[in-house]
N, C-alpha and C. Protein backbone atom coordinates (compact mmCIF):
# COMPACT_ATOMS: atom_id res chain seq x y z
N MET A 1 6.79 -10.43 -2.65
CA MET A 1 5.49 -10.40 -3.29
C MET A 1 5.61 -10.79 -4.77
N ILE A 2 6.50 -11.71 -5.04
CA ILE A 2 6.66 -12.16 -6.41
C ILE A 2 5.71 -13.33 -6.69
N GLN A 3 5.58 -14.27 -5.77
CA GLN A 3 4.74 -15.44 -5.98
C GLN A 3 3.26 -15.09 -6.04
N ILE A 4 2.82 -14.27 -5.14
CA ILE A 4 1.43 -13.82 -5.13
C ILE A 4 1.45 -12.30 -5.00
N GLN A 5 0.79 -11.65 -5.92
CA GLN A 5 0.81 -10.18 -5.93
C GLN A 5 -0.53 -9.63 -5.46
N PRO A 6 -0.47 -8.53 -4.72
CA PRO A 6 -1.71 -7.90 -4.29
C PRO A 6 -2.47 -7.32 -5.48
N LYS A 7 -3.76 -7.18 -5.30
CA LYS A 7 -4.58 -6.57 -6.35
C LYS A 7 -4.80 -5.08 -6.09
N THR A 8 -4.82 -4.70 -4.81
CA THR A 8 -5.03 -3.29 -4.48
C THR A 8 -4.00 -2.83 -3.46
N VAL A 9 -3.79 -1.51 -3.43
CA VAL A 9 -2.84 -0.92 -2.50
C VAL A 9 -3.48 0.31 -1.87
N TRP A 10 -3.35 0.43 -0.55
CA TRP A 10 -4.00 1.49 0.21
C TRP A 10 -2.98 2.20 1.11
N PRO A 11 -2.44 3.33 0.69
CA PRO A 11 -1.51 4.08 1.54
C PRO A 11 -2.20 4.53 2.83
N SER A 12 -1.45 4.56 3.91
CA SER A 12 -2.00 4.95 5.22
C SER A 12 -1.27 6.17 5.75
N PRO A 13 -1.82 7.37 5.55
CA PRO A 13 -1.16 8.56 6.07
C PRO A 13 -1.21 8.59 7.59
N ASN A 14 -0.23 9.22 8.17
CA ASN A 14 -0.16 9.36 9.62
C ASN A 14 -1.00 10.57 10.02
N PHE A 15 -1.75 10.46 11.09
CA PHE A 15 -2.62 11.56 11.52
C PHE A 15 -1.83 12.75 12.05
N LYS A 16 -0.62 12.50 12.55
CA LYS A 16 0.20 13.59 13.06
C LYS A 16 0.93 14.32 11.94
N ASN A 17 1.30 13.58 10.88
CA ASN A 17 2.01 14.17 9.75
C ASN A 17 1.39 13.63 8.46
N LYS A 18 0.44 14.37 7.92
CA LYS A 18 -0.33 13.91 6.76
C LYS A 18 0.45 14.00 5.45
N ASN A 19 1.70 14.43 5.49
CA ASN A 19 2.51 14.54 4.28
C ASN A 19 3.24 13.25 3.95
N TYR A 20 3.21 12.28 4.88
CA TYR A 20 3.95 11.03 4.68
C TYR A 20 3.10 9.82 5.02
N ASN A 21 3.31 8.74 4.27
CA ASN A 21 2.70 7.45 4.56
C ASN A 21 3.73 6.62 5.32
N PHE A 22 3.40 6.26 6.53
CA PHE A 22 4.31 5.47 7.35
C PHE A 22 4.06 3.98 7.13
N SER A 23 2.90 3.65 6.58
CA SER A 23 2.60 2.26 6.27
C SER A 23 1.68 2.20 5.05
N THR A 24 1.59 1.02 4.48
CA THR A 24 0.75 0.79 3.31
C THR A 24 0.08 -0.56 3.48
N ARG A 25 -1.20 -0.63 3.11
CA ARG A 25 -1.95 -1.88 3.19
C ARG A 25 -2.13 -2.45 1.78
N PHE A 26 -1.77 -3.71 1.63
CA PHE A 26 -1.93 -4.41 0.37
C PHE A 26 -3.01 -5.46 0.55
N LYS A 27 -3.94 -5.51 -0.39
CA LYS A 27 -5.03 -6.48 -0.30
C LYS A 27 -5.05 -7.34 -1.56
N PHE A 28 -5.53 -8.55 -1.42
CA PHE A 28 -5.47 -9.54 -2.49
C PHE A 28 -6.84 -9.79 -3.11
N CYS A 29 -7.62 -8.72 -3.22
CA CYS A 29 -8.96 -8.80 -3.81
C CYS A 29 -9.24 -7.51 -4.57
N ASN A 30 -10.33 -7.48 -5.30
CA ASN A 30 -10.72 -6.28 -6.05
C ASN A 30 -11.13 -5.17 -5.09
N VAL A 31 -11.14 -3.96 -5.59
CA VAL A 31 -11.47 -2.79 -4.76
C VAL A 31 -12.82 -2.96 -4.08
N GLU A 32 -13.80 -3.43 -4.80
CA GLU A 32 -15.16 -3.56 -4.24
C GLU A 32 -15.19 -4.48 -3.02
N GLN A 33 -14.38 -5.51 -3.02
CA GLN A 33 -14.36 -6.48 -1.92
C GLN A 33 -13.45 -6.06 -0.77
N SER A 34 -12.59 -5.09 -1.00
CA SER A 34 -11.57 -4.74 -0.01
C SER A 34 -12.12 -4.06 1.23
N TYR A 35 -13.38 -3.68 1.22
CA TYR A 35 -13.98 -3.04 2.40
C TYR A 35 -14.52 -4.07 3.39
N PHE A 36 -14.46 -5.33 3.01
CA PHE A 36 -14.99 -6.39 3.85
C PHE A 36 -13.86 -7.09 4.59
N ASN A 37 -14.15 -8.16 5.23
CA ASN A 37 -13.21 -8.91 6.06
C ASN A 37 -12.27 -9.73 5.18
N VAL A 38 -11.23 -9.10 4.64
CA VAL A 38 -10.31 -9.76 3.71
C VAL A 38 -8.90 -9.79 4.29
N ILE A 39 -8.06 -10.63 3.73
CA ILE A 39 -6.67 -10.71 4.15
C ILE A 39 -5.94 -9.43 3.75
N THR A 40 -5.24 -8.83 4.70
CA THR A 40 -4.51 -7.58 4.46
C THR A 40 -3.06 -7.76 4.90
N LEU A 41 -2.17 -7.31 4.04
CA LEU A 41 -0.75 -7.29 4.35
C LEU A 41 -0.39 -5.83 4.61
N SER A 42 -0.07 -5.50 5.85
CA SER A 42 0.27 -4.14 6.22
C SER A 42 1.79 -4.02 6.36
N VAL A 43 2.36 -3.10 5.60
CA VAL A 43 3.81 -2.91 5.62
C VAL A 43 4.12 -1.54 6.22
N GLU A 44 4.94 -1.53 7.26
CA GLU A 44 5.43 -0.29 7.85
C GLU A 44 6.80 -0.03 7.25
N TRP A 45 7.02 1.21 6.77
CA TRP A 45 8.24 1.55 6.06
C TRP A 45 9.31 2.11 6.99
N GLU A 46 10.56 1.77 6.71
CA GLU A 46 11.69 2.30 7.47
C GLU A 46 11.76 3.82 7.31
N THR A 47 11.61 4.28 6.07
CA THR A 47 11.57 5.71 5.76
C THR A 47 10.19 6.02 5.19
N PRO A 48 9.43 6.91 5.81
CA PRO A 48 8.09 7.22 5.31
C PRO A 48 8.11 7.67 3.84
N ILE A 49 7.02 7.35 3.14
CA ILE A 49 6.89 7.66 1.72
C ILE A 49 6.06 8.95 1.60
N PRO A 50 6.52 9.93 0.83
CA PRO A 50 5.73 11.15 0.64
C PRO A 50 4.35 10.83 0.05
N VAL A 51 3.34 11.43 0.62
CA VAL A 51 1.97 11.22 0.15
C VAL A 51 1.84 11.58 -1.32
N SER A 52 2.54 12.60 -1.77
CA SER A 52 2.43 13.04 -3.16
C SER A 52 2.79 11.94 -4.14
N SER A 53 3.78 11.11 -3.84
CA SER A 53 4.18 10.06 -4.77
C SER A 53 3.17 8.92 -4.80
N SER A 54 2.66 8.50 -3.65
CA SER A 54 1.68 7.41 -3.63
C SER A 54 0.30 7.90 -4.09
N GLU A 55 -0.03 9.14 -3.82
CA GLU A 55 -1.33 9.70 -4.21
C GLU A 55 -1.48 9.78 -5.73
N TYR A 56 -0.38 10.06 -6.41
CA TYR A 56 -0.41 10.14 -7.87
C TYR A 56 -0.86 8.81 -8.47
N TYR A 57 -0.25 7.71 -8.02
CA TYR A 57 -0.62 6.39 -8.54
C TYR A 57 -1.99 5.96 -8.06
N GLN A 58 -2.34 6.35 -6.86
CA GLN A 58 -3.66 6.03 -6.31
C GLN A 58 -4.75 6.60 -7.21
N GLN A 59 -4.59 7.82 -7.64
CA GLN A 59 -5.58 8.46 -8.52
C GLN A 59 -5.50 7.92 -9.95
N LEU A 60 -4.30 7.61 -10.40
CA LEU A 60 -4.11 7.12 -11.76
C LEU A 60 -4.69 5.72 -11.95
N HIS A 61 -4.53 4.85 -10.95
CA HIS A 61 -4.93 3.44 -11.09
C HIS A 61 -6.10 3.04 -10.19
N ASP A 62 -6.73 3.99 -9.54
CA ASP A 62 -7.89 3.71 -8.68
C ASP A 62 -7.61 2.63 -7.62
N PHE A 63 -6.48 2.72 -6.96
CA PHE A 63 -6.07 1.84 -5.87
C PHE A 63 -5.58 0.47 -6.34
N TYR A 64 -5.63 0.18 -7.64
CA TYR A 64 -5.17 -1.13 -8.11
C TYR A 64 -3.65 -1.17 -8.16
N PHE A 65 -3.10 -2.34 -7.84
CA PHE A 65 -1.66 -2.56 -7.80
C PHE A 65 -1.18 -2.89 -9.21
N THR A 66 -0.35 -2.01 -9.78
CA THR A 66 0.19 -2.20 -11.12
C THR A 66 1.71 -2.18 -11.06
N ASN A 67 2.35 -2.26 -12.19
CA ASN A 67 3.81 -2.19 -12.23
C ASN A 67 4.34 -0.87 -11.68
N ASP A 68 3.58 0.20 -11.82
CA ASP A 68 4.00 1.49 -11.25
C ASP A 68 4.12 1.41 -9.73
N GLU A 69 3.12 0.83 -9.09
CA GLU A 69 3.17 0.67 -7.64
C GLU A 69 4.26 -0.33 -7.25
N LYS A 70 4.42 -1.36 -8.04
CA LYS A 70 5.47 -2.35 -7.77
C LYS A 70 6.84 -1.67 -7.79
N ASN A 71 7.07 -0.78 -8.73
CA ASN A 71 8.34 -0.06 -8.80
C ASN A 71 8.50 0.92 -7.65
N LEU A 72 7.41 1.59 -7.26
CA LEU A 72 7.46 2.56 -6.16
C LEU A 72 7.78 1.86 -4.84
N TYR A 73 7.01 0.85 -4.49
CA TYR A 73 7.16 0.21 -3.19
C TYR A 73 8.29 -0.81 -3.16
N GLY A 74 8.65 -1.36 -4.31
CA GLY A 74 9.67 -2.39 -4.38
C GLY A 74 11.05 -1.92 -4.00
N SER A 75 11.28 -0.63 -4.08
CA SER A 75 12.61 -0.09 -3.75
C SER A 75 12.71 0.41 -2.31
N LYS A 76 11.64 0.31 -1.55
CA LYS A 76 11.61 0.81 -0.17
C LYS A 76 12.04 -0.26 0.83
N ILE A 77 12.57 0.18 1.96
CA ILE A 77 13.01 -0.73 3.02
C ILE A 77 11.86 -0.94 4.01
N VAL A 78 11.56 -2.20 4.29
CA VAL A 78 10.46 -2.57 5.18
C VAL A 78 10.95 -2.57 6.63
N LYS A 79 10.17 -1.94 7.50
CA LYS A 79 10.48 -1.93 8.93
C LYS A 79 9.73 -3.05 9.65
N ASP A 80 8.45 -3.26 9.28
CA ASP A 80 7.63 -4.28 9.93
C ASP A 80 6.52 -4.72 8.97
N ILE A 81 6.10 -5.97 9.11
CA ILE A 81 5.01 -6.52 8.30
C ILE A 81 4.01 -7.17 9.23
N LYS A 82 2.72 -6.90 8.97
CA LYS A 82 1.64 -7.54 9.70
C LYS A 82 0.63 -8.06 8.70
N VAL A 83 0.12 -9.25 8.96
CA VAL A 83 -0.93 -9.83 8.13
C VAL A 83 -2.12 -10.05 9.04
N TYR A 84 -3.27 -9.59 8.61
CA TYR A 84 -4.46 -9.75 9.44
C TYR A 84 -5.70 -9.86 8.56
N ARG A 85 -6.76 -10.21 9.20
CA ARG A 85 -8.05 -10.32 8.51
C ARG A 85 -9.07 -9.51 9.24
């Protein structure tokens, strides 16, 4: 994600275990547009991410992708990637 960076990031908690995010959705548009039919990059993580760490940045940056999120997610191992609209 160096050439094109997402504008927003949306952690996806698991319904069975709400303490961890097993995947994260990255979108390439502003928050207002992200509820519509937009390109989404969904990343499933090898090791789930604690909700507390992603929730902190989510509240701090209002879902926008900043260097903080880049540092958080950039060090994680990807299990699977899906791109959809």
